[in-house]
Amino acid sequence: MKATCERTPGSRVVLEIEVPPEEAAPDIQDAFRRLARQVKIPGFRPGKAPAAIIERALGRPRILQEALNPLVSRVYREALTEQGFVAVEAPAFEVGAFTDGEPLRFTAAVAIRPEVRLPDYAAVHVPLEPKEVGAEDVERALQDLRRRRAAWVPVEAPAADGDLVLLTTTGLLTAGQRVAERRAEGVLGSGQLRPQIDAAVRGLQPGAAAELDLAFPEDDPVVAVRGQSAHLRVQLHEIKRQELPALDDALAADISEAQTLEELRAELGNTLRQRAEADAARVALNTAVDRIVDATEVDLPEVWVARGADNLLADLQSRLAASRVAFPAYLEAQGKTAAQLRDDLRPAAARSVKTSLVLEALARDAGLWPGDPAVEAEIERQAGKSGLQPSHYRRLADRPDNRAAIASELARTAALQWLEAHALPAHAQPAPEPAPAAP
């Protein structure tokens, strides 16, 4: 078998392959055996007819056609391995005539895993720039803790921003149907109530009512009123306001291990500074990754970018559904079609794919690629969290493609840990030990 390779943009290759007649002989014999089991030849049991009789019954072209597809697939895989390529999609074949005594020639066009040319990643260093924590930050955190211990107390006063209101709504749709009475409660100004209702009850005393006209959107959570208008009456039943506890040593002892308010302030200051340093470390790590990715040459396969855009679009649809936002309504608000939105997501998809490839390449280059023991340990860990029977989960995870995906994820994690330890200052949080490298 002879194979030549032509590279094209998008990490695609075209393999031109030539198979000499003698190399095709085993595949032709296999074709004879398969057809012998399928074809009924008078006087012979299935699979027992001699090759000459089968050929006389079916004709030589039928034998060669039976051998062609397995032959092309086998030789293609061998050529791919010989060239050191890993295909990332199904190939497109163009096959010439298959004639006895003549070489079989065909081409295979396919996208392959791209080569990643890393920069000098060991030279990348990013400083930590944590946000300064001042007294006002400590006081803000202290007030947040205080509000969490606040009690909601009924009041006889006009409803205002921050009040918890309890109300009912009734009314008529413009088509004449009654709107079913609904009880609701929410904090004014928090977005928990419809904006028109929020505005209507402000300034009302408990027991008072207000009327308003309201247009329901096409994607309203209440299916019965979608796209309609109504005249509503809002009855305000009760107003509650937060009663904050005293800011003193007793509160400090109640909500923390501190015995005094000053001790609590000191603890909050330390916590805020630790969070600021952790946030700065995350920002610095992301900056280090971005610098390496920006300086790396990768010719991304189109199939991966398209698949990544599809995944991002599916994630967006899931988030919208969780927020009870209809996807068609979202598209209308954006003024886009689904295809246009998918195109908008392509740059982010390409960046995500490139980042994953760079981290995996860094893990290989730094000797961090996980070996079988690390993959086994991760499968056991995931099995324990899956809720499935361990044996069932292992059967699913032990497939070659799943094991490869687990190894890749471990490698990316190890690469990030390496960057935490080498690209960030020494006083950053220490990185965990990387996964064992493959022998």
Protein backbone atom coordinates (compact mmCIF):
# COMPACT_ATOMS: atom_id res chain seq x y z
CA MET A 1 0.00 0.00 0.00
CA LYS A 2 1.29 3.44 -0.96
CA ALA A 3 -0.17 6.61 0.49
CA THR A 4 0.57 10.28 -0.16
CA CYS A 5 -0.90 13.15 1.79
CA GLU A 6 -2.03 16.65 0.87
CA ARG A 7 -2.89 19.05 3.70
CA THR A 8 -5.67 21.62 3.30
CA PRO A 9 -6.89 24.41 5.64
CA GLY A 10 -8.98 23.51 8.66
CA SER A 11 -6.71 20.59 9.60
CA ARG A 12 -8.00 18.56 6.67
CA VAL A 13 -5.98 16.07 4.68
CA VAL A 14 -6.54 14.26 1.41
CA LEU A 15 -4.92 10.83 1.34
CA GLU A 16 -4.23 9.33 -2.09
CA ILE A 17 -3.92 5.59 -1.60
CA GLU A 18 -2.88 2.81 -3.96
CA VAL A 19 -3.42 -0.85 -3.08
CA PRO A 20 -1.50 -3.45 -5.14
CA PRO A 21 -3.47 -6.55 -6.27
CA GLU A 22 -1.67 -8.95 -3.93
CA GLU A 23 -2.62 -6.84 -0.90
CA ALA A 24 -6.29 -7.00 -1.87
CA ALA A 25 -6.27 -10.81 -2.10
CA PRO A 26 -7.15 -11.48 1.60
CA ASP A 27 -10.15 -9.13 1.40
CA ILE A 28 -11.37 -10.92 -1.75
CA GLN A 29 -11.10 -14.27 0.06
CA ASP A 30 -13.08 -12.84 2.97
CA ALA A 31 -15.72 -11.69 0.48
CA PHE A 32 -15.96 -15.23 -0.92
CA ARG A 33 -16.51 -16.63 2.59
CA ARG A 34 -19.21 -14.06 3.44
CA LEU A 35 -21.09 -14.66 0.20
CA ALA A 36 -20.80 -18.44 0.58
CA ARG A 37 -22.76 -18.17 3.83
CA GLN A 38 -25.42 -15.97 2.21
CA VAL A 39 -25.96 -17.55 -1.21
CA LYS A 40 -27.85 -20.78 -1.70
CA ILE A 41 -25.96 -23.07 -4.13
CA PRO A 42 -27.84 -26.28 -5.06
CA GLY A 43 -26.05 -29.33 -3.74
CA PHE A 44 -24.02 -27.45 -1.12
CA ARG A 45 -24.69 -26.53 2.47
CA PRO A 46 -24.35 -22.78 3.30
CA GLY A 47 -20.68 -21.82 3.42
CA LYS A 48 -19.45 -25.05 1.82
CA ALA A 49 -19.57 -24.22 -1.89
CA PRO A 50 -16.14 -23.85 -3.55
CA ALA A 51 -15.03 -20.36 -4.53
CA ALA A 52 -15.09 -21.18 -8.25
CA ILE A 53 -18.76 -22.23 -8.10
CA ILE A 54 -19.72 -19.14 -6.09
CA GLU A 55 -17.93 -16.92 -8.60
CA ARG A 56 -19.64 -18.69 -11.52
CA ALA A 57 -23.02 -18.18 -9.83
CA LEU A 58 -22.56 -14.54 -8.88
CA GLY A 59 -19.99 -13.20 -11.32
CA ARG A 60 -16.58 -11.75 -10.57
CA PRO A 61 -17.80 -8.10 -10.31
CA ARG A 62 -20.16 -9.09 -7.49
CA ILE A 63 -17.27 -10.67 -5.59
CA LEU A 64 -15.07 -7.60 -6.01
CA GLN A 65 -17.90 -5.28 -4.97
CA GLU A 66 -18.39 -7.31 -1.78
CA ALA A 67 -14.68 -6.96 -1.01
CA LEU A 68 -14.41 -3.27 -1.86
CA ASN A 69 -15.84 -1.50 1.19
CA PRO A 70 -14.00 -3.56 3.83
CA LEU A 71 -10.80 -3.25 1.81
CA VAL A 72 -11.07 0.53 1.49
CA SER A 73 -11.89 0.93 5.20
CA ARG A 74 -9.01 -1.30 6.31
CA VAL A 75 -6.39 0.30 4.10
CA TYR A 76 -7.62 3.80 4.97
CA ARG A 77 -7.17 3.10 8.70
CA GLU A 78 -3.68 1.71 8.05
CA ALA A 79 -2.72 4.77 5.99
CA LEU A 80 -4.07 7.09 8.69
CA THR A 81 -1.96 5.32 11.33
CA GLU A 82 1.10 5.30 9.09
CA GLN A 83 0.83 9.06 8.62
CA GLY A 84 0.33 9.59 12.38
CA PHE A 85 -3.10 11.19 11.99
CA VAL A 86 -6.19 10.92 14.23
CA ALA A 87 -9.42 11.48 12.32
CA VAL A 88 -12.12 13.62 13.98
CA GLU A 89 -14.92 12.86 11.51
CA ALA A 90 -15.98 10.21 9.02
CA PRO A 91 -13.93 10.32 5.80
CA ALA A 92 -15.25 11.11 2.33
CA PHE A 93 -14.04 8.49 -0.16
CA GLU A 94 -13.61 8.68 -3.92
CA VAL A 95 -12.91 5.17 -5.19
CA GLY A 96 -11.64 4.26 -8.64
CA ALA A 97 -12.28 1.08 -10.60
CA PHE A 98 -11.56 -2.22 -8.83
CA THR A 99 -10.28 -4.61 -11.47
CA ASP A 100 -8.45 -7.91 -11.21
CA GLY A 101 -4.72 -7.56 -11.65
CA GLU A 102 -4.79 -3.77 -11.35
CA PRO A 103 -4.01 -1.59 -8.30
CA LEU A 104 -7.01 -0.11 -6.49
CA ARG A 105 -6.71 3.67 -6.22
CA PHE A 106 -8.86 5.87 -4.02
CA THR A 107 -8.75 9.12 -2.08
CA ALA A 108 -9.95 9.83 1.46
CA ALA A 109 -10.64 13.41 2.59
CA VAL A 110 -10.97 13.84 6.35
CA ALA A 111 -10.46 16.33 9.19
CA ILE A 112 -7.75 15.31 11.64
CA ARG A 113 -6.76 16.27 15.14
CA PRO A 114 -4.71 19.44 14.64
CA GLU A 115 -1.11 19.95 15.53
CA VAL A 116 -0.64 22.35 18.46
CA ARG A 117 2.52 24.49 18.39
CA LEU A 118 2.97 25.68 21.95
CA PRO A 119 4.91 28.84 22.81
CA ASP A 120 7.39 28.99 25.72
CA TYR A 121 4.65 28.54 28.29
CA ALA A 122 7.17 28.20 31.13
CA ALA A 123 8.12 31.86 30.59
CA VAL A 124 4.57 33.09 31.31
CA HIS A 125 4.26 34.80 34.69
CA VAL A 126 1.25 36.81 35.87
CA PRO A 127 1.19 38.96 39.05
CA LEU A 128 -1.60 38.74 41.58
CA GLU A 129 -3.56 41.96 42.01
CA PRO A 130 -6.08 41.35 44.79
CA LYS A 131 -8.68 44.02 45.49
CA GLU A 132 -7.90 45.99 48.61
CA VAL A 133 -10.28 45.33 51.50
CA GLY A 134 -11.17 48.47 53.44
CA ALA A 135 -13.24 49.24 56.51
CA GLU A 136 -16.24 50.03 54.34
CA ASP A 137 -16.11 46.52 52.83
CA VAL A 138 -16.08 44.99 56.31
CA GLU A 139 -19.04 47.15 57.35
CA ARG A 140 -20.97 46.18 54.22
CA ALA A 141 -20.41 42.48 54.97
CA LEU A 142 -21.41 43.06 58.58
CA GLN A 143 -24.67 44.71 57.50
CA ASP A 144 -25.37 41.77 55.17
CA LEU A 145 -25.02 39.38 58.10
CA ARG A 146 -27.24 41.62 60.17
CA ARG A 147 -29.95 41.66 57.48
CA ARG A 148 -29.93 37.85 57.36
CA ARG A 149 -30.95 37.83 61.04
CA ALA A 150 -33.60 40.49 60.56
CA ALA A 151 -37.24 39.68 61.31
CA TRP A 152 -40.14 40.64 59.04
CA VAL A 153 -42.56 42.65 61.18
CA PRO A 154 -46.07 43.78 60.05
CA VAL A 155 -46.42 47.56 59.80
CA GLU A 156 -49.27 50.02 59.23
CA ALA A 157 -47.52 52.39 56.83
CA PRO A 158 -47.46 53.19 53.11
CA ALA A 159 -45.71 50.44 51.10
CA ALA A 160 -42.16 51.44 50.13
CA ASP A 161 -39.05 50.03 48.52
CA GLY A 162 -37.75 47.00 50.44
CA ASP A 163 -41.12 46.16 52.03
CA LEU A 164 -42.51 42.62 51.82
CA VAL A 165 -46.08 42.88 50.53
CA LEU A 166 -48.83 40.25 50.52
CA LEU A 167 -51.56 40.81 47.92
CA THR A 168 -54.16 39.27 45.64
CA THR A 169 -54.98 40.12 42.02
CA THR A 170 -58.29 39.71 40.17
CA GLY A 171 -59.57 41.14 36.90
CA LEU A 172 -60.88 40.73 33.37
CA LEU A 173 -59.08 39.98 30.14
CA THR A 174 -59.96 42.24 27.19
CA ALA A 175 -61.67 39.21 25.63
CA GLY A 176 -64.05 39.16 28.62
CA GLN A 177 -62.80 36.13 30.57
CA ARG A 178 -62.10 36.57 34.24
CA VAL A 179 -58.52 36.36 35.47
CA ALA A 180 -58.42 33.81 38.28
CA GLU A 181 -57.63 35.28 41.68
CA ARG A 182 -53.96 34.88 42.48
CA ARG A 183 -52.16 35.42 45.76
CA ALA A 184 -48.65 36.80 45.58
CA GLU A 185 -45.95 38.16 47.81
CA GLY A 186 -42.64 39.82 47.11
CA VAL A 187 -40.21 42.49 48.17
CA LEU A 188 -40.83 45.81 46.42
CA GLY A 189 -37.96 46.79 44.16
CA SER A 190 -36.51 43.26 44.06
CA GLY A 191 -38.02 42.15 40.77
CA GLN A 192 -40.12 39.48 42.46
CA LEU A 193 -43.39 41.10 41.35
CA ARG A 194 -44.47 42.22 37.90
CA PRO A 195 -43.12 45.78 37.39
CA GLN A 196 -46.63 47.25 36.88
CA ILE A 197 -47.94 45.63 40.07
CA ASP A 198 -44.81 46.66 41.99
CA ALA A 199 -45.43 50.28 40.97
CA ALA A 200 -49.19 50.17 41.65
CA VAL A 201 -48.94 49.12 45.31
CA ARG A 202 -46.24 51.60 46.34
CA GLY A 203 -47.71 54.16 48.71
CA LEU A 204 -50.76 52.02 49.55
CA GLN A 205 -51.71 51.21 53.13
CA PRO A 206 -52.66 47.64 54.16
CA GLY A 207 -56.27 47.01 53.11
CA ALA A 208 -56.12 49.46 50.20
CA ALA A 209 -56.45 48.50 46.52
CA ALA A 210 -55.27 49.76 43.15
CA GLU A 211 -56.39 49.16 39.55
CA LEU A 212 -54.25 48.96 36.45
CA ASP A 213 -54.13 47.78 32.85
CA LEU A 214 -51.58 45.11 32.08
CA ALA A 215 -50.33 43.54 28.83
CA PHE A 216 -49.06 39.97 29.24
CA PRO A 217 -46.06 38.94 27.10
CA GLU A 218 -46.21 36.05 24.62
CA ASP A 219 -43.92 33.96 26.85
CA ASP A 220 -45.72 34.70 30.13
CA PRO A 221 -45.29 31.95 32.74
CA VAL A 222 -49.10 31.81 33.06
CA VAL A 223 -50.06 30.09 29.83
CA ALA A 224 -53.74 31.14 29.96
CA VAL A 225 -52.95 34.87 29.69
CA ARG A 226 -50.07 34.86 27.19
CA GLY A 227 -50.26 37.65 24.63
CA GLN A 228 -53.43 39.15 26.15
CA SER A 229 -54.32 42.36 28.01
CA ALA A 230 -56.27 42.69 31.24
CA HIS A 231 -57.69 45.21 33.67
CA LEU A 232 -56.57 44.12 37.15
CA ARG A 233 -57.50 44.99 40.69
CA VAL A 234 -54.68 44.58 43.22
CA GLN A 235 -55.70 44.21 46.87
CA LEU A 236 -52.91 44.87 49.37
CA HIS A 237 -53.39 42.75 52.52
CA GLU A 238 -50.25 43.16 54.58
CA ILE A 239 -46.93 45.00 54.64
CA LYS A 240 -43.88 43.72 56.49
CA ARG A 241 -40.58 45.45 57.09
CA GLN A 242 -37.28 44.11 58.27
CA GLU A 243 -36.45 44.75 61.89
CA LEU A 244 -32.67 44.63 62.17
CA PRO A 245 -31.06 43.21 65.32
CA ALA A 246 -28.83 45.46 67.37
CA LEU A 247 -25.25 45.63 66.13
CA ASP A 248 -23.47 44.55 69.31
CA ASP A 249 -21.40 41.81 70.94
CA ALA A 250 -24.48 39.64 71.44
CA LEU A 251 -25.14 39.58 67.69
CA ALA A 252 -21.48 38.76 67.01
CA ALA A 253 -21.60 35.79 69.40
CA ASP A 254 -24.92 34.64 67.90
CA ILE A 255 -23.81 34.56 64.26
CA SER A 256 -20.14 33.56 64.60
CA GLU A 257 -17.45 32.10 66.84
CA ALA A 258 -16.40 35.64 67.77
CA GLN A 259 -17.20 36.90 71.27
CA THR A 260 -17.19 40.60 70.47
CA LEU A 261 -18.18 42.83 67.58
CA GLU A 262 -14.56 43.84 67.03
CA GLU A 263 -13.48 40.21 66.83
CA LEU A 264 -16.21 39.64 64.23
CA ARG A 265 -14.99 42.63 62.23
CA ALA A 266 -11.45 41.16 62.28
CA GLU A 267 -12.74 37.75 61.13
CA LEU A 268 -14.76 39.33 58.32
CA GLY A 269 -11.71 41.33 57.21
CA ASN A 270 -9.60 38.16 57.02
CA THR A 271 -12.35 36.31 55.12
CA LEU A 272 -12.75 39.16 52.63
CA ARG A 273 -9.00 39.36 52.06
CA GLN A 274 -8.82 35.59 51.46
CA ARG A 275 -11.67 35.86 48.95
CA ALA A 276 -9.95 38.79 47.24
CA GLU A 277 -6.72 36.79 46.95
CA ALA A 278 -8.62 33.75 45.62
CA ASP A 279 -10.42 35.95 43.07
CA ALA A 280 -7.11 37.52 42.03
CA ALA A 281 -5.58 34.05 41.64
CA ARG A 282 -8.46 33.00 39.35
CA VAL A 283 -8.08 36.14 37.27
CA ALA A 284 -4.32 35.64 37.03
CA LEU A 285 -4.73 31.98 36.03
CA ASN A 286 -7.23 32.92 33.32
CA THR A 287 -4.81 35.60 32.11
CA ALA A 288 -1.97 33.08 31.95
CA VAL A 289 -4.13 30.65 29.97
CA ASP A 290 -5.25 33.44 27.61
CA ARG A 291 -1.66 34.49 26.94
CA ILE A 292 -0.62 30.96 26.08
CA VAL A 293 -3.69 30.34 23.93
CA ASP A 294 -3.19 33.64 22.07
CA ALA A 295 0.43 32.71 21.32
CA THR A 296 -0.38 29.16 20.16
CA GLU A 297 -0.87 28.19 16.53
CA VAL A 298 -3.76 25.77 15.94
CA ASP A 299 -5.61 25.15 12.69
CA LEU A 300 -9.01 24.17 14.10
CA PRO A 301 -11.17 21.59 12.30
CA GLU A 302 -14.44 23.10 11.15
CA VAL A 303 -16.36 20.09 12.46
CA TRP A 304 -15.20 20.84 16.02
CA VAL A 305 -16.11 24.53 15.79
CA ALA A 306 -19.56 23.71 14.43
CA ARG A 307 -20.10 21.08 17.13
CA GLY A 308 -18.97 23.56 19.80
CA ALA A 309 -21.41 26.20 18.52
CA ASP A 310 -24.23 23.63 18.61
CA ASN A 311 -23.34 22.78 22.21
CA LEU A 312 -23.31 26.45 23.24
CA LEU A 313 -26.69 26.96 21.58
CA ALA A 314 -28.11 23.93 23.40
CA ASP A 315 -26.75 25.28 26.71
CA LEU A 316 -28.39 28.65 26.04
CA GLN A 317 -31.72 26.99 25.29
CA SER A 318 -31.49 25.00 28.54
CA ARG A 319 -30.81 28.16 30.55
CA LEU A 320 -33.70 29.97 28.90
CA ALA A 321 -36.03 27.04 29.61
CA ALA A 322 -34.93 27.03 33.27
CA SER A 323 -35.81 30.75 33.40
CA ARG A 324 -39.16 30.09 31.67
CA VAL A 325 -38.17 32.09 28.63
CA ALA A 326 -39.40 30.67 25.34
CA PHE A 327 -36.63 30.28 22.78
CA PRO A 328 -38.69 31.74 19.89
CA ALA A 329 -39.46 34.81 22.03
CA TYR A 330 -35.76 35.19 22.84
CA LEU A 331 -34.87 35.00 19.14
CA GLU A 332 -37.51 37.61 18.35
CA ALA A 333 -36.13 39.93 21.05
CA GLN A 334 -32.63 39.50 19.62
CA GLY A 335 -33.86 40.00 16.06
CA LYS A 336 -32.09 36.83 14.92
CA THR A 337 -32.79 33.39 13.56
CA ALA A 338 -31.44 30.26 15.27
CA ALA A 339 -28.87 29.92 12.47
CA GLN A 340 -27.70 33.52 12.95
CA LEU A 341 -27.43 33.00 16.71
CA ARG A 342 -25.39 29.84 16.13
CA ASP A 343 -23.05 31.83 13.87
CA ASP A 344 -22.67 34.44 16.63
CA LEU A 345 -21.58 31.66 18.99
CA ARG A 346 -18.87 30.33 16.67
CA PRO A 347 -16.04 32.60 17.96
CA ALA A 348 -16.71 31.51 21.56
CA ALA A 349 -16.89 27.88 20.44
CA ALA A 350 -13.60 28.19 18.56
CA ARG A 351 -11.95 29.77 21.59
CA SER A 352 -13.19 27.00 23.88
CA VAL A 353 -11.97 24.26 21.54
CA LYS A 354 -8.58 25.92 21.12
CA THR A 355 -8.18 26.38 24.88
CA SER A 356 -8.90 22.71 25.51
CA LEU A 357 -6.38 21.65 22.87
CA VAL A 358 -3.71 23.97 24.28
CA LEU A 359 -4.18 22.69 27.84
CA GLU A 360 -4.02 19.09 26.66
CA ALA A 361 -0.87 19.81 24.65
CA LEU A 362 0.71 21.50 27.67
CA ALA A 363 -0.10 18.47 29.82
CA ARG A 364 1.58 16.16 27.31
CA ASP A 365 4.60 18.42 26.93
CA ALA A 366 5.06 18.76 30.69
CA GLY A 367 4.71 15.02 31.30
CA LEU A 368 1.39 15.39 33.10
CA TRP A 369 -0.82 13.14 30.97
CA PRO A 370 -2.70 10.79 33.31
CA GLY A 371 -1.97 7.09 33.16
CA ASP A 372 -4.40 4.20 33.59
CA PRO A 373 -4.31 4.31 37.43
CA ALA A 374 -5.44 7.95 37.44
CA VAL A 375 -8.23 7.21 34.94
CA GLU A 376 -9.33 4.20 37.00
CA ALA A 377 -9.41 6.30 40.16
CA GLU A 378 -11.50 8.97 38.43
CA ILE A 379 -13.97 6.37 37.15
CA GLU A 380 -14.36 5.04 40.69
CA ARG A 381 -14.88 8.59 42.00
CA GLN A 382 -17.51 9.36 39.38
CA ALA A 383 -19.23 6.03 39.97
CA GLY A 384 -19.64 6.91 43.63
CA LYS A 385 -21.31 10.22 42.74
CA SER A 386 -23.45 8.96 39.84
CA GLY A 387 -26.16 7.23 41.83
CA LEU A 388 -25.84 4.23 39.49
CA GLN A 389 -24.67 0.78 40.40
CA PRO A 390 -20.82 0.92 40.28
CA SER A 391 -20.66 -2.06 37.90
CA HIS A 392 -23.18 -0.44 35.53
CA TYR A 393 -21.37 2.91 35.60
CA ARG A 394 -18.04 1.18 34.96
CA ARG A 395 -19.44 -0.57 31.89
CA LEU A 396 -20.47 2.82 30.51
CA ALA A 397 -17.28 4.63 31.46
CA ASP A 398 -14.93 1.86 30.38
CA ARG A 399 -15.61 2.35 26.68
CA PRO A 400 -12.50 3.60 24.86
CA ASP A 401 -14.04 6.95 23.86
CA ASN A 402 -15.26 7.60 27.41
CA ARG A 403 -11.90 6.68 28.92
CA ALA A 404 -10.22 9.04 26.46
CA ALA A 405 -12.60 11.85 27.46
CA ILE A 406 -11.87 11.24 31.15
CA ALA A 407 -8.11 11.25 30.49
CA SER A 408 -8.42 14.52 28.55
CA GLU A 409 -10.36 16.18 31.37
CA LEU A 410 -7.78 15.04 33.93
CA ALA A 411 -5.00 16.34 31.66
CA ARG A 412 -6.61 19.78 31.37
CA THR A 413 -6.99 19.93 35.14
CA ALA A 414 -3.33 18.93 35.59
CA ALA A 415 -2.25 21.64 33.12
CA LEU A 416 -4.18 24.29 35.06
CA GLN A 417 -2.63 23.09 38.30
CA TRP A 418 0.82 23.31 36.72
CA LEU A 419 0.13 26.89 35.65
CA GLU A 420 -1.10 27.78 39.15
CA ALA A 421 2.21 26.55 40.54
CA HIS A 422 4.51 28.03 37.88
CA ALA A 423 2.84 31.06 36.27
CA LEU A 424 1.47 32.68 39.44
CA PRO A 425 3.52 34.19 42.28
CA ALA A 426 4.76 31.92 45.04
CA HIS A 427 2.27 33.30 47.56
CA ALA A 428 -0.67 32.11 45.47
CA GLN A 429 -2.61 29.14 46.75
CA PRO A 430 -0.47 26.02 46.25
CA ALA A 431 -1.52 23.75 43.42
CA PRO A 432 -2.51 20.15 44.14
CA GLU A 433 -0.24 17.37 42.93
CA PRO A 434 -0.77 16.63 39.20
CA ALA A 435 -2.23 13.32 38.08
CA PRO A 436 0.32 10.49 37.61
CA ALA A 437 1.87 10.63 34.18
CA ALA A 438 1.51 7.75 31.77
CA PRO A 439 4.55 5.48 31.72
